[in-house]
N, C-alpha and C. Protein backbone atom coordinates (compact mmCIF):
# COMPACT_ATOMS: atom_id res chain seq x y z
N UNK A 1 -17.07 -29.25 27.90
CA UNK A 1 -17.58 -28.60 26.73
C UNK A 1 -17.36 -29.49 25.51
N UNK A 2 -18.38 -29.64 24.71
CA UNK A 2 -18.32 -30.51 23.53
C UNK A 2 -17.68 -29.77 22.36
N UNK A 3 -16.71 -30.41 21.66
CA UNK A 3 -16.09 -29.75 20.50
C UNK A 3 -17.10 -29.58 19.37
N UNK A 4 -16.91 -28.55 18.54
CA UNK A 4 -17.86 -28.33 17.44
C UNK A 4 -17.78 -29.45 16.41
N UNK A 5 -18.91 -29.72 15.77
CA UNK A 5 -18.99 -30.74 14.74
C UNK A 5 -18.54 -30.13 13.42
N UNK A 6 -17.32 -30.44 12.99
CA UNK A 6 -16.78 -29.86 11.78
C UNK A 6 -17.28 -30.54 10.51
N UNK A 7 -17.89 -31.70 10.65
CA UNK A 7 -18.40 -32.40 9.46
C UNK A 7 -19.56 -31.64 8.83
N UNK A 8 -20.24 -30.81 9.60
CA UNK A 8 -21.37 -30.06 9.08
C UNK A 8 -20.94 -28.72 8.48
N UNK A 9 -19.65 -28.36 8.61
CA UNK A 9 -19.17 -27.09 8.09
C UNK A 9 -19.18 -27.12 6.56
N UNK A 10 -19.53 -26.00 5.94
CA UNK A 10 -19.53 -25.98 4.47
C UNK A 10 -18.11 -26.04 3.92
N UNK A 11 -17.96 -26.73 2.80
CA UNK A 11 -16.64 -26.84 2.17
C UNK A 11 -16.27 -25.51 1.53
N UNK A 12 -15.01 -25.12 1.68
CA UNK A 12 -14.55 -23.88 1.05
C UNK A 12 -14.26 -24.14 -0.42
N UNK A 13 -14.63 -23.19 -1.24
CA UNK A 13 -14.37 -23.28 -2.67
C UNK A 13 -13.05 -22.61 -2.99
N UNK A 14 -12.42 -23.06 -4.05
CA UNK A 14 -11.17 -22.48 -4.51
C UNK A 14 -11.37 -21.00 -4.82
N UNK A 15 -10.51 -20.13 -4.28
CA UNK A 15 -10.66 -18.70 -4.57
C UNK A 15 -10.32 -18.34 -6.02
N UNK A 16 -9.65 -19.25 -6.72
CA UNK A 16 -9.23 -18.97 -8.10
C UNK A 16 -10.30 -19.40 -9.12
N UNK A 17 -10.79 -20.64 -8.98
CA UNK A 17 -11.71 -21.16 -10.00
C UNK A 17 -13.08 -21.57 -9.45
N UNK A 18 -13.22 -21.61 -8.13
CA UNK A 18 -14.50 -22.00 -7.53
C UNK A 18 -14.67 -23.50 -7.38
N UNK A 19 -13.61 -24.28 -7.67
CA UNK A 19 -13.69 -25.73 -7.53
C UNK A 19 -13.81 -26.16 -6.08
N UNK A 20 -14.48 -27.28 -5.85
CA UNK A 20 -14.71 -27.75 -4.49
C UNK A 20 -13.72 -28.85 -4.06
N UNK A 21 -13.08 -29.53 -5.02
CA UNK A 21 -12.16 -30.60 -4.68
C UNK A 21 -10.78 -30.06 -4.39
N UNK A 22 -10.15 -30.58 -3.32
CA UNK A 22 -8.80 -30.16 -2.96
C UNK A 22 -7.90 -31.37 -2.80
N UNK A 23 -6.60 -31.10 -2.90
CA UNK A 23 -5.58 -32.12 -2.63
C UNK A 23 -4.75 -31.62 -1.47
N UNK A 24 -4.50 -32.49 -0.50
CA UNK A 24 -3.62 -32.11 0.59
C UNK A 24 -2.20 -31.98 0.07
N UNK A 25 -1.52 -30.92 0.47
CA UNK A 25 -0.13 -30.70 0.08
C UNK A 25 0.75 -31.31 1.16
N UNK A 26 1.64 -32.22 0.77
CA UNK A 26 2.48 -32.88 1.76
C UNK A 26 3.90 -32.35 1.79
N UNK A 27 4.34 -31.65 0.71
CA UNK A 27 5.70 -31.12 0.67
C UNK A 27 5.73 -29.92 -0.28
N UNK A 28 6.44 -28.86 0.14
CA UNK A 28 6.62 -27.68 -0.70
C UNK A 28 8.06 -27.23 -0.65
N UNK A 29 8.48 -26.42 -1.62
CA UNK A 29 9.84 -25.90 -1.64
C UNK A 29 10.05 -24.92 -0.48
N UNK A 30 8.99 -24.22 -0.07
CA UNK A 30 9.13 -23.20 0.96
C UNK A 30 9.00 -23.73 2.37
N UNK A 31 8.36 -24.85 2.56
CA UNK A 31 8.12 -25.32 3.92
C UNK A 31 8.43 -26.77 4.17
N UNK A 32 9.00 -27.45 3.17
CA UNK A 32 9.29 -28.87 3.36
C UNK A 32 8.02 -29.63 3.65
N UNK A 33 8.09 -30.52 4.65
CA UNK A 33 6.92 -31.30 5.03
C UNK A 33 6.13 -30.65 6.16
N UNK A 34 6.76 -29.76 6.91
CA UNK A 34 6.11 -29.16 8.08
C UNK A 34 5.28 -27.92 7.73
N UNK A 35 5.78 -27.07 6.84
CA UNK A 35 5.10 -25.82 6.50
C UNK A 35 3.65 -25.96 6.07
N UNK A 36 3.36 -26.86 5.12
CA UNK A 36 1.96 -26.99 4.68
C UNK A 36 1.02 -27.44 5.80
N UNK A 37 1.52 -28.23 6.73
CA UNK A 37 0.67 -28.67 7.85
C UNK A 37 0.38 -27.51 8.80
N UNK A 38 1.40 -26.71 9.07
CA UNK A 38 1.23 -25.57 9.98
C UNK A 38 0.24 -24.56 9.39
N UNK A 39 0.34 -24.31 8.09
CA UNK A 39 -0.50 -23.30 7.45
C UNK A 39 -1.78 -23.86 6.84
N UNK A 40 -2.05 -25.15 7.00
CA UNK A 40 -3.26 -25.79 6.47
C UNK A 40 -3.38 -25.55 4.96
N UNK A 41 -2.26 -25.78 4.27
CA UNK A 41 -2.16 -25.49 2.84
C UNK A 41 -2.71 -26.64 2.01
N UNK A 42 -3.61 -26.33 1.09
CA UNK A 42 -4.16 -27.31 0.15
C UNK A 42 -4.07 -26.76 -1.25
N UNK A 43 -4.22 -27.64 -2.24
CA UNK A 43 -4.26 -27.23 -3.64
C UNK A 43 -5.59 -27.62 -4.24
N UNK A 44 -6.08 -26.78 -5.11
CA UNK A 44 -7.30 -27.08 -5.84
C UNK A 44 -6.99 -28.19 -6.83
N UNK A 45 -7.84 -29.21 -6.88
CA UNK A 45 -7.64 -30.32 -7.80
C UNK A 45 -7.90 -29.91 -9.24
N UNK A 46 -8.67 -28.85 -9.44
CA UNK A 46 -9.04 -28.41 -10.79
C UNK A 46 -7.98 -27.50 -11.41
N UNK A 47 -7.56 -26.45 -10.68
CA UNK A 47 -6.64 -25.47 -11.27
C UNK A 47 -5.26 -25.45 -10.64
N UNK A 48 -5.08 -26.13 -9.49
CA UNK A 48 -3.77 -26.20 -8.85
C UNK A 48 -3.42 -25.03 -7.96
N UNK A 49 -4.33 -24.10 -7.76
CA UNK A 49 -4.07 -22.95 -6.89
C UNK A 49 -3.94 -23.42 -5.45
N UNK A 50 -2.97 -22.87 -4.72
CA UNK A 50 -2.78 -23.21 -3.32
C UNK A 50 -3.41 -22.16 -2.42
N UNK A 51 -4.03 -22.61 -1.32
CA UNK A 51 -4.68 -21.69 -0.39
C UNK A 51 -4.87 -22.37 0.96
N UNK A 52 -5.31 -21.60 1.96
CA UNK A 52 -5.53 -22.09 3.30
C UNK A 52 -6.89 -22.80 3.36
N UNK A 53 -6.88 -24.05 3.83
CA UNK A 53 -8.12 -24.83 3.85
C UNK A 53 -9.09 -24.37 4.92
N UNK A 54 -8.63 -23.62 5.90
CA UNK A 54 -9.53 -23.15 6.96
C UNK A 54 -10.18 -21.82 6.62
N UNK A 55 -9.44 -20.95 5.93
CA UNK A 55 -9.97 -19.61 5.63
C UNK A 55 -10.38 -19.44 4.18
N UNK A 56 -9.82 -20.25 3.28
CA UNK A 56 -10.09 -20.09 1.86
C UNK A 56 -9.29 -18.97 1.23
N UNK A 57 -8.35 -18.39 1.97
CA UNK A 57 -7.55 -17.27 1.47
C UNK A 57 -6.13 -17.73 1.16
N UNK A 58 -5.40 -16.86 0.51
CA UNK A 58 -4.01 -17.13 0.14
C UNK A 58 -3.15 -17.30 1.39
N UNK A 59 -2.14 -18.15 1.28
CA UNK A 59 -1.18 -18.33 2.35
C UNK A 59 0.10 -17.52 2.12
N UNK A 60 0.07 -16.56 1.18
CA UNK A 60 1.28 -15.82 0.81
C UNK A 60 1.94 -15.13 2.00
N UNK A 61 1.17 -14.46 2.83
CA UNK A 61 1.74 -13.78 4.00
C UNK A 61 2.30 -14.79 4.99
N UNK A 62 1.56 -15.84 5.24
CA UNK A 62 2.02 -16.89 6.15
C UNK A 62 3.28 -17.56 5.65
N UNK A 63 3.37 -17.78 4.34
CA UNK A 63 4.55 -18.40 3.74
C UNK A 63 5.76 -17.48 3.91
N UNK A 64 5.58 -16.18 3.66
CA UNK A 64 6.68 -15.22 3.80
C UNK A 64 7.19 -15.18 5.24
N UNK A 65 6.27 -15.18 6.20
CA UNK A 65 6.66 -15.18 7.61
C UNK A 65 7.36 -16.48 7.97
N UNK A 66 6.84 -17.61 7.51
CA UNK A 66 7.43 -18.91 7.79
C UNK A 66 8.86 -18.98 7.24
N UNK A 67 9.05 -18.55 5.99
CA UNK A 67 10.38 -18.59 5.38
C UNK A 67 11.34 -17.68 6.13
N UNK A 68 10.90 -16.48 6.51
CA UNK A 68 11.76 -15.55 7.24
C UNK A 68 12.17 -16.12 8.60
N UNK A 69 11.23 -16.67 9.33
CA UNK A 69 11.52 -17.24 10.65
C UNK A 69 12.47 -18.43 10.52
N UNK A 70 12.21 -19.32 9.57
CA UNK A 70 13.07 -20.49 9.40
C UNK A 70 14.48 -20.08 8.97
N UNK A 71 14.59 -19.04 8.14
CA UNK A 71 15.90 -18.55 7.73
C UNK A 71 16.68 -18.03 8.93
N UNK A 72 16.01 -17.28 9.79
CA UNK A 72 16.66 -16.76 10.99
C UNK A 72 17.05 -17.90 11.92
N UNK A 73 16.15 -18.84 12.14
CA UNK A 73 16.44 -19.97 13.05
C UNK A 73 17.63 -20.78 12.54
N UNK A 74 17.61 -21.14 11.26
CA UNK A 74 18.72 -21.95 10.74
C UNK A 74 20.01 -21.13 10.64
N UNK A 75 19.90 -19.83 10.40
CA UNK A 75 21.08 -18.97 10.41
C UNK A 75 21.72 -18.91 11.78
N UNK A 76 20.89 -18.79 12.81
CA UNK A 76 21.41 -18.77 14.19
C UNK A 76 22.02 -20.11 14.57
N UNK A 77 21.39 -21.19 14.15
CA UNK A 77 21.96 -22.51 14.43
C UNK A 77 23.30 -22.70 13.73
N UNK A 78 23.39 -22.23 12.49
CA UNK A 78 24.65 -22.33 11.75
C UNK A 78 25.72 -21.48 12.43
N UNK A 79 25.36 -20.29 12.87
CA UNK A 79 26.31 -19.40 13.55
C UNK A 79 26.80 -20.02 14.85
N UNK A 80 25.90 -20.69 15.55
CA UNK A 80 26.24 -21.30 16.84
C UNK A 80 27.13 -22.54 16.66
N UNK A 81 26.77 -23.42 15.73
CA UNK A 81 27.44 -24.70 15.62
C UNK A 81 28.50 -24.77 14.52
N UNK A 82 28.50 -23.81 13.59
CA UNK A 82 29.49 -23.82 12.51
C UNK A 82 30.04 -22.42 12.28
N UNK A 83 30.63 -21.79 13.28
CA UNK A 83 31.06 -20.40 13.13
C UNK A 83 32.14 -20.21 12.08
N UNK A 84 32.99 -21.20 11.85
CA UNK A 84 34.05 -21.08 10.85
C UNK A 84 33.52 -20.95 9.44
N UNK A 85 32.42 -21.59 9.15
CA UNK A 85 31.83 -21.53 7.81
C UNK A 85 31.31 -20.13 7.52
N UNK A 86 30.66 -19.50 8.49
CA UNK A 86 30.10 -18.18 8.27
C UNK A 86 31.17 -17.11 8.22
N UNK A 87 32.32 -17.31 8.84
CA UNK A 87 33.40 -16.32 8.79
C UNK A 87 34.05 -16.28 7.41
N UNK A 88 33.88 -17.31 6.63
CA UNK A 88 34.47 -17.37 5.30
C UNK A 88 33.82 -16.36 4.36
N UNK A 89 32.61 -15.92 4.68
CA UNK A 89 31.91 -14.98 3.82
C UNK A 89 32.21 -13.61 4.28
């Protein structure tokens, strides 16, 4: 089966200002370098609004889920490998 030709797909416009130019986000406070890649996060070059490059919608729900999961994962790792530190609290 031949993969779809994505070059013919229409470009998504910014949901905030309608701009067509985007900048790839390489690092964020909420996801480091991995989060923006997983969520296909881009920023509008005109207004700076961040959104999903595949859907054109906000990544707010995805960001909240990503932060919650990463907090749990790193909390469990800390509990497993540094139990003395967590007992201090």
